[in-house]
Amino acid sequence: MKDRFKKGEEASLIGVAGNLVLTALKLFIGIVSGSTAVTADAIHTFSDVLVSIITFIGIRISKKPADKEHPYGHYDAEAIAGLFSSIALVLLGFELIKYAYIAFLNPAHEVRYTAIYAVILTFIFKEPMARYTLRVAREIKSPALEADGQNHRSDIYSSFAVLIAIIGSLLGFTFLDPVVGIAIAIIILWIGIKIGMRNTNILMGRVPSEKFVKLIESRAKSIKGVAYVHNVKVHSLGAFTNVELHVCVSEDISLADAHGIAHMVQKEIVASIPEVVSALVHVEPLDRHHREMHKEIHHGGK
C-alpha cells in the first residue's frame, strides 16, 4: 500500500518538474517567434503543472489512515483531485478560446520558423512523461494520476495542430495560427469534461462492472458453508472499493459458526481482490424465501 502511494507521488512530481521546464521553453519560443498557437500551447502545458500539483496533493491526502471523522479512509481524495483538475482544464479552455479569438481579430506579425522548436520539445518531453505516468496510473489504479497522464498525452496531440498552424503561417496563411489556438482550447475542454465525468461517477458511487460483482460473488462462494450470495453492493473510493454483501448459510448451524463463515468470507474477499479494502458481510439463514430466490436466479424458476 505504501509503495503504491510512493509511486503515485513520484510520478506526479516528475510531471510538475517536466512541465515547468517545458512551459518556460515554450513561452520563450512563443514570444520570440510571435506564435499565438505556441503561446497558447505553453499555457496548456502550464495547466498540466497545476494538474500534476493537484494530483500530488490528492495522492498525499488519500494515503492518510482512517480516523474518527473518516472511518473509510481518505481514498476519495484522488477522485476529488481528478475532478478539480477537470474543472481547471475546462476554465482554461474557455480562456484560451477568448485569447485566440482576440488574436484572430488582431493578427500578429509573421511567425518565425523557430516556433517549430516548441513542437520538437513537446515530443521529446511529453511522450516519455505520458507513457510513464499512464503506466504508473494503470499499475496503481489511480484516477487522479490517469488524469495527469491524459493531460501529458493531450499536449502531444495539440502540438500536431500547432505544427499545422506554424507551417500555415510560414506559407502566409496567418489566420491558421489563432484558429489552431481555438482548436487546442477545444481539445482541452473535451479532456476536462471527460475526466470530470469519470471522477464524478467515482464520487457518486457508480455501479462497477458486472464482471467485478461476479468476482466478489465467486470469492464468497468459495468459502465452505456459504450456500447463496446476493445483494452485493460496491462503494468506489477511487482506486479502492468497499464491499457489502449478504451470504446465506444453513439454518442448522450455530450463531458462532455463522459468524466464523462471515469472517472467512470477509478475509477471502479482501485478500484475493487487491482493490477491496473492506468487506461487510451480512449473514442470513437459507430459509424457504432464499431457496426460492436462488432457484429463480439460477434455474429460471423451473
C-alpha atoms as a PDB file:
ATOM      1  CA  MET A   1       0.000   0.000   0.000  1.00  0.00           C
ATOM      2  CA  LYS A   2       2.768   2.454   0.963  1.00  0.00           C
ATOM      3  CA  ASP A   3       4.651   1.574  -2.227  1.00  0.00           C
ATOM      4  CA  ARG A   4       1.551   2.446  -4.251  1.00  0.00           C
ATOM      5  CA  PHE A   5       1.328   5.960  -2.822  1.00  0.00           C
ATOM      6  CA  LYS A   6       5.081   6.481  -3.180  1.00  0.00           C
ATOM      7  CA  LYS A   7       4.933   5.618  -6.884  1.00  0.00           C
ATOM      8  CA  GLY A   8       1.993   7.973  -7.382  1.00  0.00           C
ATOM      9  CA  GLU A   9       3.700  10.873  -5.635  1.00  0.00           C
ATOM     10  CA  GLU A  10       6.918  10.358  -7.602  1.00  0.00           C
ATOM     11  CA  ALA A  11       5.061  10.274 -10.923  1.00  0.00           C
ATOM     12  CA  SER A  12       3.144  13.471 -10.136  1.00  0.00           C
ATOM     13  CA  LEU A  13       6.313  15.309  -9.037  1.00  0.00           C
ATOM     14  CA  ILE A  14       8.068  14.285 -12.251  1.00  0.00           C
ATOM     15  CA  GLY A  15       5.086  15.782 -14.074  1.00  0.00           C
ATOM     16  CA  VAL A  16       5.444  19.055 -12.165  1.00  0.00           C
ATOM     17  CA  ALA A  17       9.169  19.362 -12.897  1.00  0.00           C
ATOM     18  CA  GLY A  18       8.947  18.347 -16.551  1.00  0.00           C
ATOM     19  CA  ASN A  19       6.015  20.626 -17.309  1.00  0.00           C
ATOM     20  CA  LEU A  20       7.595  23.632 -15.600  1.00  0.00           C
ATOM     21  CA  VAL A  21      10.692  23.336 -17.774  1.00  0.00           C
ATOM     22  CA  LEU A  22       8.632  22.790 -20.923  1.00  0.00           C
ATOM     23  CA  THR A  23       6.290  25.701 -20.110  1.00  0.00           C
ATOM     24  CA  ALA A  24       9.203  28.112 -19.771  1.00  0.00           C
ATOM     25  CA  LEU A  25      10.787  26.946 -23.027  1.00  0.00           C
ATOM     26  CA  LYS A  26       7.502  27.104 -24.967  1.00  0.00           C
ATOM     27  CA  LEU A  27       6.606  30.530 -23.617  1.00  0.00           C
ATOM     28  CA  PHE A  28      10.012  31.873 -24.620  1.00  0.00           C
ATOM     29  CA  ILE A  29       9.712  30.401 -28.118  1.00  0.00           C
ATOM     30  CA  GLY A  30       6.128  31.655 -28.474  1.00  0.00           C
ATOM     31  CA  ILE A  31       7.129  35.225 -27.579  1.00  0.00           C
ATOM     32  CA  VAL A  32      10.251  35.220 -29.767  1.00  0.00           C
ATOM     33  CA  SER A  33       8.501  33.630 -32.754  1.00  0.00           C
ATOM     34  CA  GLY A  34       5.284  35.631 -32.342  1.00  0.00           C
ATOM     35  CA  SER A  35       3.133  32.491 -32.475  1.00  0.00           C
ATOM     36  CA  THR A  36      -0.267  32.679 -30.790  1.00  0.00           C
ATOM     37  CA  ALA A  37      -0.646  28.912 -31.071  1.00  0.00           C
ATOM     38  CA  VAL A  38       2.703  28.227 -29.388  1.00  0.00           C
ATOM     39  CA  THR A  39       1.887  30.708 -26.618  1.00  0.00           C
ATOM     40  CA  ALA A  40      -1.499  29.015 -26.143  1.00  0.00           C
ATOM     41  CA  ASP A  41       0.265  25.672 -26.085  1.00  0.00           C
ATOM     42  CA  ALA A  42       2.612  26.995 -23.379  1.00  0.00           C
ATOM     43  CA  ILE A  43      -0.418  27.945 -21.270  1.00  0.00           C
ATOM     44  CA  HIS A  44      -1.821  24.462 -21.867  1.00  0.00           C
ATOM     45  CA  THR A  45       1.449  22.966 -20.626  1.00  0.00           C
ATOM     46  CA  PHE A  46       1.307  25.179 -17.535  1.00  0.00           C
ATOM     47  CA  SER A  47      -2.168  23.812 -16.861  1.00  0.00           C
ATOM     48  CA  ASP A  48      -0.512  20.396 -16.762  1.00  0.00           C
ATOM     49  CA  VAL A  49       1.754  21.732 -14.000  1.00  0.00           C
ATOM     50  CA  LEU A  50      -1.343  22.623 -11.969  1.00  0.00           C
ATOM     51  CA  VAL A  51      -2.905  19.229 -12.675  1.00  0.00           C
ATOM     52  CA  SER A  52       0.264  17.465 -11.503  1.00  0.00           C
ATOM     53  CA  ILE A  53       0.332  19.547  -8.310  1.00  0.00           C
ATOM     54  CA  ILE A  54      -3.326  18.786  -7.598  1.00  0.00           C
ATOM     55  CA  THR A  55      -2.637  15.114  -8.328  1.00  0.00           C
ATOM     56  CA  PHE A  56       0.240  15.081  -5.844  1.00  0.00           C
ATOM     57  CA  ILE A  57      -1.915  16.697  -3.151  1.00  0.00           C
ATOM     58  CA  GLY A  58      -4.748  14.245  -3.797  1.00  0.00           C
ATOM     59  CA  ILE A  59      -2.467  11.223  -3.531  1.00  0.00           C
ATOM     60  CA  ARG A  60      -0.803  12.627  -0.404  1.00  0.00           C
ATOM     61  CA  ILE A  61      -4.197  13.112   1.307  1.00  0.00           C
ATOM     62  CA  SER A  62      -5.581   9.757   0.166  1.00  0.00           C
ATOM     63  CA  LYS A  63      -2.830   7.837   1.955  1.00  0.00           C
ATOM     64  CA  LYS A  64      -3.879   9.221   5.339  1.00  0.00           C
ATOM     65  CA  PRO A  65      -5.279   6.428   7.532  1.00  0.00           C
ATOM     66  CA  ALA A  66      -8.924   6.199   8.556  1.00  0.00           C
ATOM     67  CA  ASP A  67      -9.908   8.328  11.522  1.00  0.00           C
ATOM     68  CA  LYS A  68     -12.971   9.110  13.620  1.00  0.00           C
ATOM     69  CA  GLU A  69     -14.391  11.548  11.058  1.00  0.00           C
ATOM     70  CA  HIS A  70     -13.402   9.429   8.035  1.00  0.00           C
ATOM     71  CA  PRO A  71     -13.928   5.784   9.067  1.00  0.00           C
ATOM     72  CA  TYR A  72     -13.481   4.541   5.492  1.00  0.00           C
ATOM     73  CA  GLY A  73     -10.218   6.415   4.975  1.00  0.00           C
ATOM     74  CA  HIS A  74      -9.395   9.289   2.629  1.00  0.00           C
ATOM     75  CA  TYR A  75      -9.201   7.399  -0.665  1.00  0.00           C
ATOM     76  CA  ASP A  76     -11.797   9.639  -2.346  1.00  0.00           C
ATOM     77  CA  ALA A  77      -9.216  12.453  -2.288  1.00  0.00           C
ATOM     78  CA  GLU A  78      -7.766  11.134  -5.548  1.00  0.00           C
ATOM     79  CA  ALA A  79     -11.112  11.332  -7.329  1.00  0.00           C
ATOM     80  CA  ILE A  80     -11.659  14.818  -5.891  1.00  0.00           C
ATOM     81  CA  ALA A  81      -8.222  15.823  -7.197  1.00  0.00           C
ATOM     82  CA  GLY A  82      -9.163  14.495 -10.621  1.00  0.00           C
ATOM     83  CA  LEU A  83     -12.422  16.460 -10.524  1.00  0.00           C
ATOM     84  CA  PHE A  84     -10.648  19.704  -9.580  1.00  0.00           C
ATOM     85  CA  SER A  85      -8.185  19.095 -12.403  1.00  0.00           C
ATOM     86  CA  SER A  86     -11.031  18.727 -14.879  1.00  0.00           C
ATOM     87  CA  ILE A  87     -12.676  21.970 -13.712  1.00  0.00           C
ATOM     88  CA  ALA A  88      -9.366  23.812 -14.083  1.00  0.00           C
ATOM     89  CA  LEU A  89      -8.976  22.449 -17.602  1.00  0.00           C
ATOM     90  CA  VAL A  90     -12.482  23.488 -18.654  1.00  0.00           C
ATOM     91  CA  LEU A  91     -11.960  27.029 -17.346  1.00  0.00           C
ATOM     92  CA  LEU A  92      -8.601  27.191 -19.082  1.00  0.00           C
ATOM     93  CA  GLY A  93     -10.160  26.021 -22.335  1.00  0.00           C
ATOM     94  CA  PHE A  94     -12.650  28.890 -22.309  1.00  0.00           C
ATOM     95  CA  GLU A  95      -9.869  31.354 -21.514  1.00  0.00           C
ATOM     96  CA  LEU A  96      -7.813  30.123 -24.460  1.00  0.00           C
ATOM     97  CA  ILE A  97     -10.787  30.466 -26.806  1.00  0.00           C
ATOM     98  CA  LYS A  98     -11.053  34.097 -25.739  1.00  0.00           C
ATOM     99  CA  TYR A  99      -7.286  34.573 -26.192  1.00  0.00           C
ATOM    100  CA  ALA A 100      -7.284  33.015 -29.676  1.00  0.00           C
ATOM    101  CA  TYR A 101     -10.375  34.971 -30.762  1.00  0.00           C
ATOM    102  CA  ILE A 102      -8.700  38.270 -29.871  1.00  0.00           C
ATOM    103  CA  ALA A 103      -5.626  37.154 -31.823  1.00  0.00           C
ATOM    104  CA  PHE A 104      -7.845  36.303 -34.793  1.00  0.00           C
ATOM    105  CA  LEU A 105      -9.272  39.829 -34.827  1.00  0.00           C
ATOM    106  CA  ASN A 106      -5.790  41.314 -34.422  1.00  0.00           C
ATOM    107  CA  PRO A 107      -3.368  39.082 -36.365  1.00  0.00           C
ATOM    108  CA  ALA A 108       0.219  39.065 -35.153  1.00  0.00           C
ATOM    109  CA  HIS A 109       3.230  39.598 -37.363  1.00  0.00           C
ATOM    110  CA  GLU A 110       4.635  36.757 -39.414  1.00  0.00           C
ATOM    111  CA  VAL A 111       5.612  33.724 -37.381  1.00  0.00           C
ATOM    112  CA  ARG A 112       9.281  32.728 -37.466  1.00  0.00           C
ATOM    113  CA  TYR A 113      10.422  29.177 -38.142  1.00  0.00           C
ATOM    114  CA  THR A 114      11.846  28.974 -34.599  1.00  0.00           C
ATOM    115  CA  ALA A 115       8.307  28.200 -33.395  1.00  0.00           C
ATOM    116  CA  ILE A 116       8.806  24.660 -34.706  1.00  0.00           C
ATOM    117  CA  TYR A 117      11.278  24.112 -31.860  1.00  0.00           C
ATOM    118  CA  ALA A 118       8.345  24.190 -29.420  1.00  0.00           C
ATOM    119  CA  VAL A 119       6.756  21.234 -31.183  1.00  0.00           C
ATOM    120  CA  ILE A 120      10.015  19.282 -31.154  1.00  0.00           C
ATOM    121  CA  LEU A 121      10.465  19.970 -27.442  1.00  0.00           C
ATOM    122  CA  THR A 122       6.931  18.755 -26.750  1.00  0.00           C
ATOM    123  CA  PHE A 123       7.570  15.421 -28.436  1.00  0.00           C
ATOM    124  CA  ILE A 124      10.884  15.000 -26.604  1.00  0.00           C
ATOM    125  CA  PHE A 125       9.430  15.826 -23.171  1.00  0.00           C
ATOM    126  CA  LYS A 126       5.813  14.742 -23.222  1.00  0.00           C
ATOM    127  CA  GLU A 127       5.771  11.319 -24.857  1.00  0.00           C
ATOM    128  CA  PRO A 128       8.070   9.729 -22.229  1.00  0.00           C
ATOM    129  CA  MET A 129       6.183  11.585 -19.467  1.00  0.00           C
ATOM    130  CA  ALA A 130       2.806  10.423 -20.782  1.00  0.00           C
ATOM    131  CA  ARG A 131       3.878   6.792 -21.103  1.00  0.00           C
ATOM    132  CA  TYR A 132       5.465   6.721 -17.663  1.00  0.00           C
ATOM    133  CA  THR A 133       2.549   8.445 -15.907  1.00  0.00           C
ATOM    134  CA  LEU A 134      -0.140   6.329 -17.589  1.00  0.00           C
ATOM    135  CA  ARG A 135       1.821   3.140 -16.877  1.00  0.00           C
ATOM    136  CA  VAL A 136       2.056   4.004 -13.182  1.00  0.00           C
ATOM    137  CA  ALA A 137      -1.622   5.081 -13.161  1.00  0.00           C
ATOM    138  CA  ARG A 138      -2.698   1.696 -14.531  1.00  0.00           C
ATOM    139  CA  GLU A 139      -0.369  -0.121 -12.152  1.00  0.00           C
ATOM    140  CA  ILE A 140      -1.679   1.597  -9.011  1.00  0.00           C
ATOM    141  CA  LYS A 141      -5.204   2.221 -10.386  1.00  0.00           C
ATOM    142  CA  SER A 142      -5.140   5.959  -9.672  1.00  0.00           C
ATOM    143  CA  PRO A 143      -7.893   8.101 -11.297  1.00  0.00           C
ATOM    144  CA  ALA A 144      -6.026  11.308 -10.455  1.00  0.00           C
ATOM    145  CA  LEU A 145      -2.757  10.089 -11.956  1.00  0.00           C
ATOM    146  CA  GLU A 146      -4.562   8.852 -15.055  1.00  0.00           C
ATOM    147  CA  ALA A 147      -5.980  12.364 -15.481  1.00  0.00           C
ATOM    148  CA  ASP A 148      -2.431  13.687 -15.186  1.00  0.00           C
ATOM    149  CA  GLY A 149      -1.183  11.255 -17.822  1.00  0.00           C
ATOM    150  CA  GLN A 150      -4.015  12.108 -20.207  1.00  0.00           C
ATOM    151  CA  ASN A 151      -3.048  15.758 -19.903  1.00  0.00           C
ATOM    152  CA  HIS A 152       0.520  14.911 -20.899  1.00  0.00           C
ATOM    153  CA  ARG A 153      -0.807  12.985 -23.905  1.00  0.00           C
ATOM    154  CA  SER A 154      -3.165  15.822 -24.891  1.00  0.00           C
ATOM    155  CA  ASP A 155      -0.185  18.159 -25.121  1.00  0.00           C
ATOM    156  CA  ILE A 156       1.263  15.904 -27.811  1.00  0.00           C
ATOM    157  CA  TYR A 157      -1.992  15.893 -29.779  1.00  0.00           C
ATOM    158  CA  SER A 158      -2.331  19.646 -29.592  1.00  0.00           C
ATOM    159  CA  SER A 159       1.251  20.089 -30.768  1.00  0.00           C
ATOM    160  CA  PHE A 160       0.361  18.450 -34.078  1.00  0.00           C
ATOM    161  CA  ALA A 161      -2.210  21.211 -34.514  1.00  0.00           C
ATOM    162  CA  VAL A 162       0.411  23.809 -33.581  1.00  0.00           C
ATOM    163  CA  LEU A 163       2.709  22.402 -36.241  1.00  0.00           C
ATOM    164  CA  ILE A 164      -0.018  22.899 -38.845  1.00  0.00           C
ATOM    165  CA  ALA A 165      -0.524  26.476 -37.656  1.00  0.00           C
ATOM    166  CA  ILE A 166       3.196  27.225 -37.865  1.00  0.00           C
ATOM    167  CA  ILE A 167       3.536  25.812 -41.361  1.00  0.00           C
ATOM    168  CA  GLY A 168       0.444  27.747 -42.461  1.00  0.00           C
ATOM    169  CA  SER A 169       1.842  30.972 -41.029  1.00  0.00           C
ATOM    170  CA  LEU A 170       5.217  30.453 -42.715  1.00  0.00           C
ATOM    171  CA  LEU A 171       3.367  29.996 -46.010  1.00  0.00           C
ATOM    172  CA  GLY A 172       1.436  33.215 -45.470  1.00  0.00           C
ATOM    173  CA  PHE A 173      -1.792  31.781 -44.062  1.00  0.00           C
ATOM    174  CA  THR A 174      -1.553  33.705 -40.775  1.00  0.00           C
ATOM    175  CA  PHE A 175      -5.220  33.137 -39.947  1.00  0.00           C
ATOM    176  CA  LEU A 176      -4.407  29.487 -39.193  1.00  0.00           C
ATOM    177  CA  ASP A 177      -2.435  30.458 -36.085  1.00  0.00           C
ATOM    178  CA  PRO A 178      -5.338  31.762 -33.943  1.00  0.00           C
ATOM    179  CA  VAL A 179      -7.703  29.197 -35.465  1.00  0.00           C
ATOM    180  CA  VAL A 180      -5.474  26.378 -34.259  1.00  0.00           C
ATOM    181  CA  GLY A 181      -5.264  28.141 -30.891  1.00  0.00           C
ATOM    182  CA  ILE A 182      -9.041  27.701 -30.661  1.00  0.00           C
ATOM    183  CA  ALA A 183      -8.670  24.064 -31.718  1.00  0.00           C
ATOM    184  CA  ILE A 184      -6.254  23.498 -28.836  1.00  0.00           C
ATOM    185  CA  ALA A 185      -8.776  25.073 -26.465  1.00  0.00           C
ATOM    186  CA  ILE A 186     -11.481  22.688 -27.682  1.00  0.00           C
ATOM    187  CA  ILE A 187      -9.155  19.729 -27.089  1.00  0.00           C
ATOM    188  CA  ILE A 188      -8.592  20.938 -23.526  1.00  0.00           C
ATOM    189  CA  LEU A 189     -12.335  21.379 -22.983  1.00  0.00           C
ATOM    190  CA  TRP A 190     -13.079  17.859 -24.184  1.00  0.00           C
ATOM    191  CA  ILE A 191     -10.384  16.295 -21.997  1.00  0.00           C
ATOM    192  CA  GLY A 192     -11.581  18.301 -18.995  1.00  0.00           C
ATOM    193  CA  ILE A 193     -15.200  17.197 -19.455  1.00  0.00           C
ATOM    194  CA  LYS A 194     -14.193  13.562 -19.968  1.00  0.00           C
ATOM    195  CA  ILE A 195     -12.016  13.492 -16.850  1.00  0.00           C
ATOM    196  CA  GLY A 196     -14.709  15.289 -14.862  1.00  0.00           C
ATOM    197  CA  MET A 197     -17.392  12.770 -15.819  1.00  0.00           C
ATOM    198  CA  ARG A 198     -15.230   9.820 -14.845  1.00  0.00           C
ATOM    199  CA  ASN A 199     -14.279  11.185 -11.441  1.00  0.00           C
ATOM    200  CA  THR A 200     -17.850  12.328 -10.776  1.00  0.00           C
ATOM    201  CA  ASN A 201     -19.018   8.761 -11.400  1.00  0.00           C
ATOM    202  CA  ILE A 202     -16.457   7.524  -8.866  1.00  0.00           C
ATOM    203  CA  LEU A 203     -17.574  10.032  -6.227  1.00  0.00           C
ATOM    204  CA  MET A 204     -21.255   9.254  -6.824  1.00  0.00           C
ATOM    205  CA  GLY A 205     -20.668   5.529  -6.387  1.00  0.00           C
ATOM    206  CA  ARG A 206     -21.495   4.372  -9.883  1.00  0.00           C
ATOM    207  CA  VAL A 207     -22.119   0.622 -10.090  1.00  0.00           C
ATOM    208  CA  PRO A 208     -18.952  -1.231 -11.183  1.00  0.00           C
ATOM    209  CA  SER A 209     -18.807  -3.753 -13.992  1.00  0.00           C
ATOM    210  CA  GLU A 210     -20.849  -6.935 -13.691  1.00  0.00           C
ATOM    211  CA  LYS A 211     -17.574  -8.847 -14.003  1.00  0.00           C
ATOM    212  CA  PHE A 212     -16.299  -7.264 -10.780  1.00  0.00           C
ATOM    213  CA  VAL A 213     -19.508  -8.115  -8.914  1.00  0.00           C
ATOM    214  CA  LYS A 214     -19.305 -11.707 -10.181  1.00  0.00           C
ATOM    215  CA  LEU A 215     -15.725 -11.906  -8.928  1.00  0.00           C
ATOM    216  CA  ILE A 216     -16.849 -10.869  -5.444  1.00  0.00           C
ATOM    217  CA  GLU A 217     -19.652 -13.437  -5.509  1.00  0.00           C
ATOM    218  CA  SER A 218     -17.307 -16.215  -6.631  1.00  0.00           C
ATOM    219  CA  ARG A 219     -14.800 -15.475  -3.872  1.00  0.00           C
ATOM    220  CA  ALA A 220     -17.590 -15.504  -1.280  1.00  0.00           C
ATOM    221  CA  LYS A 221     -18.989 -18.795  -2.615  1.00  0.00           C
ATOM    222  CA  SER A 222     -15.531 -20.371  -2.381  1.00  0.00           C
ATOM    223  CA  ILE A 223     -15.871 -20.387   1.417  1.00  0.00           C
ATOM    224  CA  LYS A 224     -17.258 -23.638   2.811  1.00  0.00           C
ATOM    225  CA  GLY A 225     -20.681 -23.148   4.331  1.00  0.00           C
ATOM    226  CA  VAL A 226     -21.825 -20.347   2.001  1.00  0.00           C
ATOM    227  CA  ALA A 227     -24.929 -21.550   0.184  1.00  0.00           C
ATOM    228  CA  TYR A 228     -26.008 -18.378  -1.579  1.00  0.00           C
ATOM    229  CA  VAL A 229     -24.737 -14.822  -2.148  1.00  0.00           C
ATOM    230  CA  HIS A 230     -26.905 -11.826  -3.007  1.00  0.00           C
ATOM    231  CA  ASN A 231     -27.365  -8.062  -2.660  1.00  0.00           C
ATOM    232  CA  VAL A 232     -23.722  -7.260  -3.440  1.00  0.00           C
ATOM    233  CA  LYS A 233     -23.008  -3.530  -3.155  1.00  0.00           C
ATOM    234  CA  VAL A 234     -19.746  -1.858  -4.110  1.00  0.00           C
ATOM    235  CA  HIS A 235     -18.797   1.649  -2.999  1.00  0.00           C
ATOM    236  CA  SER A 236     -15.988   3.105  -5.086  1.00  0.00           C
ATOM    237  CA  LEU A 237     -13.252   5.032  -3.264  1.00  0.00           C
ATOM    238  CA  GLY A 238     -11.258   5.993  -6.327  1.00  0.00           C
ATOM    239  CA  ALA A 239      -8.514   3.394  -6.586  1.00  0.00           C
ATOM    240  CA  PHE A 240     -10.128   1.251  -3.891  1.00  0.00           C
ATOM    241  CA  THR A 241     -13.574  -0.050  -3.006  1.00  0.00           C
ATOM    242  CA  ASN A 242     -15.680  -1.025  -0.006  1.00  0.00           C
ATOM    243  CA  VAL A 243     -17.902  -4.057  -0.408  1.00  0.00           C
ATOM    244  CA  GLU A 244     -21.140  -5.044   1.311  1.00  0.00           C
ATOM    245  CA  LEU A 245     -22.874  -8.347   0.652  1.00  0.00           C
ATOM    246  CA  HIS A 246     -25.325 -10.863   2.074  1.00  0.00           C
ATOM    247  CA  VAL A 247     -24.478 -14.567   2.377  1.00  0.00           C
ATOM    248  CA  CYS A 248     -26.896 -17.335   3.214  1.00  0.00           C
ATOM    249  CA  VAL A 249     -25.871 -20.267   5.390  1.00  0.00           C
ATOM    250  CA  SER A 250     -27.691 -23.347   6.636  1.00  0.00           C
ATOM    251  CA  GLU A 251     -30.383 -22.767   9.235  1.00  0.00           C
ATOM    252  CA  ASP A 252     -28.950 -25.627  11.273  1.00  0.00           C
ATOM    253  CA  ILE A 253     -25.548 -24.139  12.128  1.00  0.00           C
ATOM    254  CA  SER A 254     -24.849 -22.193  15.311  1.00  0.00           C
ATOM    255  CA  LEU A 255     -24.535 -18.424  15.541  1.00  0.00           C
ATOM    256  CA  ALA A 256     -20.830 -18.806  16.309  1.00  0.00           C
ATOM    257  CA  ASP A 257     -20.273 -20.910  13.176  1.00  0.00           C
ATOM    258  CA  ALA A 258     -22.231 -18.417  11.061  1.00  0.00           C
ATOM    259  CA  HIS A 259     -20.082 -15.605  12.409  1.00  0.00           C
ATOM    260  CA  GLY A 260     -16.958 -17.614  11.590  1.00  0.00           C
ATOM    261  CA  ILE A 261     -18.113 -18.112   7.996  1.00  0.00           C
ATOM    262  CA  ALA A 262     -18.783 -14.379   7.627  1.00  0.00           C
ATOM    263  CA  HIS A 263     -15.293 -13.624   8.924  1.00  0.00           C
ATOM    264  CA  MET A 264     -13.712 -16.050   6.434  1.00  0.00           C
ATOM    265  CA  VAL A 265     -15.706 -14.511   3.565  1.00  0.00           C
ATOM    266  CA  GLN A 266     -14.508 -11.051   4.576  1.00  0.00           C
ATOM    267  CA  LYS A 267     -10.867 -12.188   4.748  1.00  0.00           C
ATOM    268  CA  GLU A 268     -11.062 -14.013   1.408  1.00  0.00           C
ATOM    269  CA  ILE A 269     -12.526 -11.047  -0.491  1.00  0.00           C
ATOM    270  CA  VAL A 270     -10.051  -8.513   0.911  1.00  0.00           C
ATOM    271  CA  ALA A 271      -7.070 -10.845   0.433  1.00  0.00           C
ATOM    272  CA  SER A 272      -7.896 -12.005  -3.104  1.00  0.00           C
ATOM    273  CA  ILE A 273      -9.120  -8.730  -4.652  1.00  0.00           C
ATOM    274  CA  PRO A 274      -6.429  -6.013  -4.276  1.00  0.00           C
ATOM    275  CA  GLU A 275      -8.722  -3.009  -4.774  1.00  0.00           C
ATOM    276  CA  VAL A 276     -11.106  -4.074  -1.981  1.00  0.00           C
ATOM    277  CA  VAL A 277     -10.072  -2.523   1.348  1.00  0.00           C
ATOM    278  CA  SER A 278     -13.045  -3.639   3.442  1.00  0.00           C
ATOM    279  CA  ALA A 279     -15.956  -6.051   3.200  1.00  0.00           C
ATOM    280  CA  LEU A 280     -19.082  -6.004   5.355  1.00  0.00           C
ATOM    281  CA  VAL A 281     -20.743  -9.421   5.347  1.00  0.00           C
ATOM    282  CA  HIS A 282     -24.346  -9.917   6.476  1.00  0.00           C
ATOM    283  CA  VAL A 283     -25.306 -13.493   7.360  1.00  0.00           C
ATOM    284  CA  GLU A 284     -28.810 -14.810   6.737  1.00  0.00           C
ATOM    285  CA  PRO A 285     -30.347 -18.278   7.192  1.00  0.00           C
ATOM    286  CA  LEU A 286     -31.052 -20.186   3.988  1.00  0.00           C
ATOM    287  CA  ASP A 287     -34.805 -20.348   4.556  1.00  0.00           C
ATOM    288  CA  ARG A 288     -37.557 -21.078   2.048  1.00  0.00           C
ATOM    289  CA  HIS A 289     -37.565 -17.496   0.750  1.00  0.00           C
ATOM    290  CA  HIS A 290     -33.860 -17.560  -0.075  1.00  0.00           C
ATOM    291  CA  ARG A 291     -34.116 -21.032  -1.604  1.00  0.00           C
ATOM    292  CA  GLU A 292     -36.790 -19.746  -3.982  1.00  0.00           C
ATOM    293  CA  MET A 293     -34.650 -16.701  -4.839  1.00  0.00           C
ATOM    294  CA  HIS A 294     -31.690 -18.963  -5.574  1.00  0.00           C
ATOM    295  CA  LYS A 295     -33.823 -21.259  -7.732  1.00  0.00           C
ATOM    296  CA  GLU A 296     -35.316 -18.330  -9.665  1.00  0.00           C
ATOM    297  CA  ILE A 297     -31.912 -16.819 -10.447  1.00  0.00           C
ATOM    298  CA  HIS A 298     -30.035 -19.996 -11.332  1.00  0.00           C
ATOM    299  CA  HIS A 299     -32.791 -22.167 -12.829  1.00  0.00           C
ATOM    300  CA  GLY A 300     -35.261 -19.657 -14.216  1.00  0.00           C
ATOM    301  CA  GLY A 301     -37.949 -20.735 -11.757  1.00  0.00           C
ATOM    302  CA  LYS A 302     -38.079 -24.292 -13.133  1.00  0.00           C
END
